[in-house]
Amino acid sequence: MWSPLEYACHVRDVCRIFRGRLEMMLREDDPVFPNWDQDEAAVEDAYNAQDPETVGRQFADEAQATAAAFDAVKSGEWDRTGRRGDGKDFTISSFARYFLHDIEHHLKDAEPARR
């Protein structure tokens, strides 16, 4: 289990990763997303040692930028596709739902850490 700070770092990075993948789906035909190992990122980026105030600002910035990127998707683009390296395929529409599910999941994961 991660600390609240580590979850904040992770969700900040999830926003950035998903936004980058969304941009790939809009720019390329059926791109394959580069692999991202979230546990490796937590260690390499020393989530547990980051400054909470800085992370809070970064979290807000990344969340706003990602929301704006999804808001900017045009009606004819929601069926564009992309794939993870394991073969799981998405449309932008299903990718947006997966993103929201992932964020909601992490909020629940972090709940016991807040007690």
Protein backbone atom coordinates (compact mmCIF):
# COMPACT_ATOMS: atom_id res chain seq x y z
CA MET A 1 0.00 0.00 0.00
CA TRP A 2 1.22 3.45 -0.90
CA SER A 3 1.06 6.56 1.28
CA PRO A 4 -1.30 9.42 0.33
CA LEU A 5 1.72 11.27 -1.13
CA GLU A 6 2.67 8.28 -3.27
CA TYR A 7 -0.92 7.94 -4.52
CA ALA A 8 -0.97 11.65 -5.38
CA CYS A 9 2.27 11.24 -7.34
CA HIS A 10 0.90 8.19 -9.10
CA VAL A 11 -2.40 9.81 -10.10
CA ARG A 12 -0.52 12.92 -11.25
CA ASP A 13 1.54 10.66 -13.51
CA VAL A 14 -1.53 8.66 -14.61
CA CYS A 15 -3.03 11.93 -15.86
CA ARG A 16 0.14 12.72 -17.81
CA ILE A 17 0.42 9.20 -19.27
CA PHE A 18 -3.23 9.03 -20.30
CA ARG A 19 -3.06 12.50 -21.84
CA GLY A 20 -0.02 11.47 -23.86
CA ARG A 21 -1.78 8.32 -25.03
CA LEU A 22 -4.87 10.33 -25.96
CA GLU A 23 -2.68 12.65 -28.01
CA MET A 24 -1.17 9.61 -29.76
CA MET A 25 -4.65 8.31 -30.60
CA LEU A 26 -5.60 11.66 -32.09
CA ARG A 27 -2.35 12.03 -34.05
CA GLU A 28 -1.64 8.47 -35.23
CA ASP A 29 -3.65 5.61 -36.67
CA ASP A 30 -4.07 2.83 -34.09
CA PRO A 31 -0.87 3.51 -32.12
CA VAL A 32 0.65 1.03 -29.68
CA PHE A 33 1.28 2.76 -26.36
CA PRO A 34 4.73 2.54 -24.81
CA ASN A 35 4.83 0.41 -21.67
CA TRP A 36 4.67 2.20 -18.33
CA ASP A 37 5.54 0.28 -15.18
CA GLN A 38 3.84 2.19 -12.37
CA ASP A 39 5.76 0.42 -9.60
CA GLU A 40 9.06 1.12 -11.30
CA ALA A 41 8.06 4.77 -11.73
CA ALA A 42 7.29 5.05 -8.00
CA VAL A 43 10.78 3.83 -7.11
CA GLU A 44 12.70 5.65 -9.87
CA ASP A 45 10.93 8.94 -9.21
CA ALA A 46 11.09 8.51 -5.40
CA TYR A 47 7.40 9.23 -4.91
CA ASN A 48 7.82 8.89 -1.14
CA ALA A 49 10.45 11.68 -1.04
CA GLN A 50 8.67 14.30 -3.16
CA ASP A 51 7.52 17.59 -1.71
CA PRO A 52 3.77 17.42 -0.96
CA GLU A 53 3.11 21.07 -1.89
CA THR A 54 4.86 20.66 -5.23
CA VAL A 55 3.04 17.40 -5.90
CA GLY A 56 -0.27 19.08 -5.07
CA ARG A 57 0.35 21.84 -7.63
CA GLN A 58 1.55 19.34 -10.24
CA PHE A 59 -1.45 17.08 -9.56
CA ALA A 60 -3.87 19.98 -10.13
CA ASP A 61 -2.06 21.08 -13.30
CA GLU A 62 -1.97 17.56 -14.78
CA ALA A 63 -5.62 16.88 -13.90
CA GLN A 64 -6.74 20.16 -15.50
CA ALA A 65 -4.64 19.59 -18.62
CA THR A 66 -5.96 16.04 -19.01
CA ALA A 67 -9.57 17.13 -18.53
CA ALA A 68 -9.05 19.86 -21.15
CA ALA A 69 -7.53 17.33 -23.57
CA PHE A 70 -10.55 15.03 -23.27
CA ASP A 71 -12.92 18.03 -23.50
CA ALA A 72 -11.24 19.02 -26.78
CA VAL A 73 -11.97 15.69 -28.49
CA LYS A 74 -14.28 16.37 -31.42
CA SER A 75 -17.44 14.34 -32.04
CA GLY A 76 -15.92 12.46 -34.99
CA GLU A 77 -12.79 11.45 -33.04
CA TRP A 78 -14.27 9.33 -30.23
CA ASP A 79 -13.98 6.14 -32.31
CA ARG A 80 -10.25 6.55 -33.03
CA THR A 81 -8.25 3.63 -31.65
CA GLY A 82 -5.06 2.80 -29.77
CA ARG A 83 -3.61 -0.28 -28.09
CA ARG A 84 -1.54 -1.20 -25.09
CA GLY A 85 1.49 -3.41 -25.65
CA ASP A 86 -0.45 -6.40 -24.25
CA GLY A 87 -2.93 -6.07 -27.12
CA LYS A 88 -5.80 -4.46 -25.18
CA ASP A 89 -7.46 -2.11 -27.63
CA PHE A 90 -9.38 1.07 -26.94
CA THR A 91 -11.40 3.69 -28.70
CA ILE A 92 -11.02 7.18 -27.32
CA SER A 93 -14.47 6.70 -25.81
CA SER A 94 -13.58 3.46 -24.01
CA PHE A 95 -10.19 4.93 -23.07
CA ALA A 96 -11.91 7.90 -21.39
CA ARG A 97 -14.11 5.53 -19.37
CA TYR A 98 -11.06 3.44 -18.42
CA PHE A 99 -9.25 6.60 -17.29
CA LEU A 100 -12.14 7.62 -15.04
CA HIS A 101 -12.39 4.10 -13.64
CA ASP A 102 -8.64 4.12 -12.90
CA ILE A 103 -8.83 7.45 -11.06
CA GLU A 104 -11.86 6.30 -9.05
CA HIS A 105 -10.08 3.04 -8.21
CA HIS A 106 -7.06 4.94 -6.86
CA LEU A 107 -9.26 7.18 -4.71
CA LYS A 108 -10.64 4.05 -3.07
CA ASP A 109 -7.14 2.54 -2.73
CA ALA A 110 -5.89 5.65 -0.96
CA GLU A 111 -8.81 5.78 1.47
CA PRO A 112 -7.34 3.43 4.13
CA ALA A 113 -4.06 5.35 3.93
CA ARG A 114 -5.90 8.55 4.95
CA ARG A 115 -7.14 7.12 8.24
